[in-house]
Amino acid sequence: MPGKLKKLSPEDLNEISDFLFSTAQDFILNQLPIKEINDLDVKSEISYEEELDVDLSIELQVDELCVWEEDIVNQALDFTFKALESFLDENYRD
């Protein structure tokens, strides 16, 4: 069972937000050629009071001729949240 999160500062929350953004973006860019992507928008909202609350959304628009897996956004979300758990374990848990 993972340890409890330490008290997170605003700088910690910014670092976690940056991690979420780069992890999700890297996942998408590793799956699709950049020239096929018309728009990629990764947004995260993070709050911390008694526990960490993370809301992550990814909007992806690709070239109409691009062949891609329709659930790539869900795959990216799953991958990012799993990576977040490891990131928190390594950096922010007692």
N, C-alpha and C. Protein backbone atom coordinates (compact mmCIF):
# COMPACT_ATOMS: atom_id res chain seq x y z
N MET A 1 0.85 -1.19 0.00
CA MET A 1 0.00 0.00 0.00
C MET A 1 0.88 1.24 0.00
N PRO A 2 0.61 2.19 -0.88
CA PRO A 2 1.45 3.38 -0.95
C PRO A 2 1.34 4.21 0.32
N GLY A 3 2.43 4.91 0.62
CA GLY A 3 2.42 5.80 1.77
C GLY A 3 1.56 7.02 1.50
N LYS A 4 1.36 7.78 2.56
CA LYS A 4 0.56 9.00 2.46
C LYS A 4 1.36 10.09 1.75
N LEU A 5 0.66 10.90 0.97
CA LEU A 5 1.30 12.03 0.31
C LEU A 5 1.76 13.04 1.34
N LYS A 6 2.94 13.60 1.11
CA LYS A 6 3.39 14.69 1.97
C LYS A 6 2.55 15.92 1.64
N LYS A 7 2.64 16.95 2.45
CA LYS A 7 1.92 18.18 2.17
C LYS A 7 2.52 18.80 0.92
N LEU A 8 1.68 19.06 -0.07
CA LEU A 8 2.16 19.56 -1.35
C LEU A 8 2.10 21.08 -1.41
N SER A 9 3.19 21.66 -1.87
CA SER A 9 3.27 23.12 -2.04
C SER A 9 2.76 23.49 -3.43
N PRO A 10 2.52 24.78 -3.67
CA PRO A 10 2.15 25.20 -5.03
C PRO A 10 3.20 24.80 -6.06
N GLU A 11 4.48 24.83 -5.67
CA GLU A 11 5.54 24.41 -6.60
C GLU A 11 5.43 22.92 -6.91
N ASP A 12 5.09 22.12 -5.90
CA ASP A 12 4.88 20.68 -6.11
C ASP A 12 3.74 20.45 -7.10
N LEU A 13 2.65 21.19 -6.92
CA LEU A 13 1.50 21.04 -7.81
C LEU A 13 1.86 21.44 -9.24
N ASN A 14 2.68 22.47 -9.39
CA ASN A 14 3.14 22.86 -10.73
C ASN A 14 4.00 21.76 -11.35
N GLU A 15 4.86 21.16 -10.54
CA GLU A 15 5.71 20.08 -11.05
C GLU A 15 4.86 18.87 -11.47
N ILE A 16 3.84 18.55 -10.69
CA ILE A 16 2.95 17.44 -11.03
C ILE A 16 2.18 17.77 -12.31
N SER A 17 1.72 18.99 -12.43
CA SER A 17 1.01 19.42 -13.64
C SER A 17 1.91 19.31 -14.87
N ASP A 18 3.15 19.77 -14.73
CA ASP A 18 4.11 19.66 -15.85
C ASP A 18 4.36 18.21 -16.21
N PHE A 19 4.45 17.34 -15.20
CA PHE A 19 4.65 15.91 -15.45
C PHE A 19 3.47 15.34 -16.24
N LEU A 20 2.26 15.68 -15.82
CA LEU A 20 1.06 15.19 -16.52
C LEU A 20 1.05 15.63 -17.97
N PHE A 21 1.32 16.90 -18.19
CA PHE A 21 1.33 17.45 -19.54
C PHE A 21 2.34 16.73 -20.42
N SER A 22 3.58 16.65 -19.96
CA SER A 22 4.64 16.06 -20.80
C SER A 22 4.42 14.56 -21.01
N THR A 23 3.93 13.86 -20.00
CA THR A 23 3.70 12.42 -20.14
C THR A 23 2.60 12.14 -21.16
N ALA A 24 1.49 12.86 -21.06
CA ALA A 24 0.38 12.66 -22.00
C ALA A 24 0.79 13.05 -23.42
N GLN A 25 1.46 14.19 -23.54
CA GLN A 25 1.89 14.65 -24.86
C GLN A 25 2.89 13.67 -25.49
N ASP A 26 3.85 13.21 -24.71
CA ASP A 26 4.84 12.26 -25.23
C ASP A 26 4.19 10.97 -25.68
N PHE A 27 3.19 10.49 -24.92
CA PHE A 27 2.49 9.27 -25.30
C PHE A 27 1.85 9.43 -26.68
N ILE A 28 1.12 10.52 -26.87
CA ILE A 28 0.45 10.77 -28.16
C ILE A 28 1.49 10.89 -29.27
N LEU A 29 2.54 11.66 -29.04
CA LEU A 29 3.55 11.88 -30.08
C LEU A 29 4.33 10.60 -30.42
N ASN A 30 4.37 9.65 -29.50
CA ASN A 30 5.00 8.37 -29.79
C ASN A 30 4.08 7.44 -30.58
N GLN A 31 2.79 7.77 -30.61
CA GLN A 31 1.82 6.94 -31.32
C GLN A 31 1.50 7.46 -32.72
N LEU A 32 1.60 8.76 -32.89
CA LEU A 32 1.21 9.39 -34.15
C LEU A 32 2.34 10.29 -34.67
N PRO A 33 2.52 10.32 -35.99
CA PRO A 33 3.50 11.27 -36.54
C PRO A 33 3.03 12.70 -36.29
N ILE A 34 3.92 13.55 -35.90
CA ILE A 34 3.55 14.94 -35.58
C ILE A 34 2.90 15.65 -36.76
N LYS A 35 3.30 15.30 -37.97
CA LYS A 35 2.72 15.95 -39.15
C LYS A 35 1.26 15.58 -39.35
N GLU A 36 0.79 14.51 -38.70
CA GLU A 36 -0.61 14.08 -38.82
C GLU A 36 -1.50 14.78 -37.77
N ILE A 37 -0.87 15.43 -36.79
CA ILE A 37 -1.62 16.05 -35.71
C ILE A 37 -1.91 17.51 -36.05
N ASN A 38 -3.19 17.84 -36.13
CA ASN A 38 -3.59 19.22 -36.38
C ASN A 38 -3.64 20.02 -35.09
N ASP A 39 -4.07 19.38 -34.00
CA ASP A 39 -4.16 20.06 -32.71
C ASP A 39 -4.09 19.04 -31.58
N LEU A 40 -3.29 19.36 -30.59
CA LEU A 40 -3.17 18.53 -29.40
C LEU A 40 -3.20 19.46 -28.20
N ASP A 41 -4.21 19.28 -27.36
CA ASP A 41 -4.39 20.14 -26.21
C ASP A 41 -4.51 19.26 -24.96
N VAL A 42 -3.55 19.40 -24.07
CA VAL A 42 -3.55 18.65 -22.81
C VAL A 42 -3.79 19.66 -21.69
N LYS A 43 -4.83 19.42 -20.91
CA LYS A 43 -5.16 20.32 -19.80
C LYS A 43 -5.25 19.52 -18.52
N SER A 44 -4.69 20.09 -17.46
CA SER A 44 -4.82 19.45 -16.15
C SER A 44 -5.24 20.49 -15.13
N GLU A 45 -6.13 20.06 -14.26
CA GLU A 45 -6.54 20.86 -13.11
C GLU A 45 -6.22 20.03 -11.89
N ILE A 46 -5.44 20.64 -11.01
CA ILE A 46 -5.00 19.92 -9.82
C ILE A 46 -5.35 20.74 -8.60
N SER A 47 -5.88 20.07 -7.61
CA SER A 47 -6.10 20.73 -6.32
C SER A 47 -5.64 19.78 -5.22
N TYR A 48 -5.28 20.37 -4.12
CA TYR A 48 -4.82 19.56 -2.99
C TYR A 48 -5.30 20.21 -1.71
N GLU A 49 -6.12 19.47 -1.00
CA GLU A 49 -6.50 19.88 0.34
C GLU A 49 -6.15 18.71 1.25
N GLU A 50 -7.07 17.80 1.45
CA GLU A 50 -6.75 16.62 2.24
C GLU A 50 -6.19 15.51 1.34
N GLU A 51 -6.53 15.57 0.06
CA GLU A 51 -6.00 14.60 -0.89
C GLU A 51 -5.81 15.29 -2.24
N LEU A 52 -5.05 14.65 -3.09
CA LEU A 52 -4.76 15.19 -4.41
C LEU A 52 -5.93 14.89 -5.35
N ASP A 53 -6.43 15.92 -6.01
CA ASP A 53 -7.51 15.77 -6.97
C ASP A 53 -6.98 16.20 -8.33
N VAL A 54 -6.99 15.27 -9.29
CA VAL A 54 -6.43 15.54 -10.61
C VAL A 54 -7.51 15.34 -11.67
N ASP A 55 -7.69 16.36 -12.49
CA ASP A 55 -8.59 16.27 -13.63
C ASP A 55 -7.73 16.51 -14.87
N LEU A 56 -7.68 15.53 -15.74
CA LEU A 56 -6.83 15.61 -16.93
C LEU A 56 -7.70 15.40 -18.16
N SER A 57 -7.53 16.28 -19.15
CA SER A 57 -8.26 16.12 -20.40
C SER A 57 -7.30 16.29 -21.57
N ILE A 58 -7.59 15.55 -22.62
CA ILE A 58 -6.78 15.60 -23.84
C ILE A 58 -7.72 15.77 -25.02
N GLU A 59 -7.46 16.79 -25.81
CA GLU A 59 -8.21 16.98 -27.04
C GLU A 59 -7.24 16.80 -28.19
N LEU A 60 -7.62 15.94 -29.12
CA LEU A 60 -6.74 15.59 -30.23
C LEU A 60 -7.51 15.70 -31.54
N GLN A 61 -6.94 16.44 -32.48
CA GLN A 61 -7.49 16.51 -33.83
C GLN A 61 -6.37 16.10 -34.78
N VAL A 62 -6.69 15.16 -35.65
CA VAL A 62 -5.69 14.68 -36.60
C VAL A 62 -6.15 14.95 -38.03
N ASP A 63 -5.21 14.89 -38.93
CA ASP A 63 -5.49 15.06 -40.34
C ASP A 63 -6.55 14.04 -40.75
N GLU A 64 -7.46 14.45 -41.60
CA GLU A 64 -8.57 13.56 -41.98
C GLU A 64 -8.11 12.29 -42.69
N LEU A 65 -6.92 12.30 -43.26
CA LEU A 65 -6.41 11.10 -43.93
C LEU A 65 -5.59 10.19 -43.01
N CYS A 66 -5.40 10.63 -41.79
CA CYS A 66 -4.59 9.87 -40.84
C CYS A 66 -5.35 8.63 -40.37
N VAL A 67 -4.65 7.51 -40.34
CA VAL A 67 -5.21 6.28 -39.79
C VAL A 67 -4.68 6.17 -38.36
N TRP A 68 -5.61 6.12 -37.40
CA TRP A 68 -5.20 6.08 -36.00
C TRP A 68 -6.25 5.36 -35.17
N GLU A 69 -5.82 4.92 -34.02
CA GLU A 69 -6.73 4.22 -33.12
C GLU A 69 -7.62 5.24 -32.43
N GLU A 70 -8.92 5.02 -32.53
CA GLU A 70 -9.88 5.98 -31.98
C GLU A 70 -9.74 6.15 -30.46
N ASP A 71 -9.28 5.12 -29.77
CA ASP A 71 -9.19 5.22 -28.31
C ASP A 71 -7.81 5.66 -27.83
N ILE A 72 -7.02 6.26 -28.70
CA ILE A 72 -5.67 6.68 -28.32
C ILE A 72 -5.70 7.69 -27.17
N VAL A 73 -6.72 8.53 -27.12
CA VAL A 73 -6.82 9.50 -26.02
C VAL A 73 -7.04 8.77 -24.70
N ASN A 74 -7.92 7.76 -24.70
CA ASN A 74 -8.14 6.98 -23.48
C ASN A 74 -6.88 6.23 -23.08
N GLN A 75 -6.16 5.70 -24.06
CA GLN A 75 -4.90 5.03 -23.77
C GLN A 75 -3.90 6.00 -23.14
N ALA A 76 -3.84 7.21 -23.67
CA ALA A 76 -2.94 8.22 -23.13
C ALA A 76 -3.32 8.60 -21.71
N LEU A 77 -4.61 8.73 -21.45
CA LEU A 77 -5.07 9.04 -20.09
C LEU A 77 -4.71 7.93 -19.12
N ASP A 78 -4.98 6.68 -19.51
CA ASP A 78 -4.64 5.54 -18.64
C ASP A 78 -3.14 5.49 -18.37
N PHE A 79 -2.35 5.63 -19.41
CA PHE A 79 -0.89 5.59 -19.28
C PHE A 79 -0.41 6.71 -18.34
N THR A 80 -0.96 7.91 -18.52
CA THR A 80 -0.52 9.06 -17.73
C THR A 80 -0.87 8.89 -16.26
N PHE A 81 -2.06 8.40 -15.97
CA PHE A 81 -2.44 8.22 -14.57
C PHE A 81 -1.61 7.12 -13.91
N LYS A 82 -1.28 6.06 -14.63
CA LYS A 82 -0.40 5.02 -14.08
C LYS A 82 1.00 5.59 -13.82
N ALA A 83 1.49 6.38 -14.76
CA ALA A 83 2.80 7.01 -14.60
C ALA A 83 2.78 8.00 -13.43
N LEU A 84 1.65 8.67 -13.23
CA LEU A 84 1.53 9.61 -12.12
C LEU A 84 1.69 8.90 -10.78
N GLU A 85 1.09 7.72 -10.65
CA GLU A 85 1.22 6.97 -9.40
C GLU A 85 2.69 6.70 -9.08
N SER A 86 3.45 6.26 -10.07
CA SER A 86 4.87 6.01 -9.86
C SER A 86 5.61 7.31 -9.53
N PHE A 87 5.28 8.38 -10.23
CA PHE A 87 5.91 9.67 -10.00
C PHE A 87 5.64 10.15 -8.57
N LEU A 88 4.39 10.00 -8.11
CA LEU A 88 4.06 10.39 -6.74
C LEU A 88 4.79 9.52 -5.74
N ASP A 89 4.85 8.20 -5.98
CA ASP A 89 5.55 7.28 -5.08
C ASP A 89 7.01 7.69 -4.92
N GLU A 90 7.65 8.02 -6.04
CA GLU A 90 9.08 8.35 -6.02
C GLU A 90 9.38 9.72 -5.41
N ASN A 91 8.45 10.66 -5.52
CA ASN A 91 8.76 12.04 -5.16
C ASN A 91 7.97 12.64 -4.00
N TYR A 92 6.78 12.12 -3.74
CA TYR A 92 5.90 12.84 -2.80
C TYR A 92 5.27 11.98 -1.74
N ARG A 93 5.65 10.74 -1.62
CA ARG A 93 5.06 9.89 -0.56
C ARG A 93 6.08 9.64 0.53
N ASP A 94 5.53 9.57 1.74
CA ASP A 94 6.38 9.29 2.92
C ASP A 94 6.78 7.84 2.96
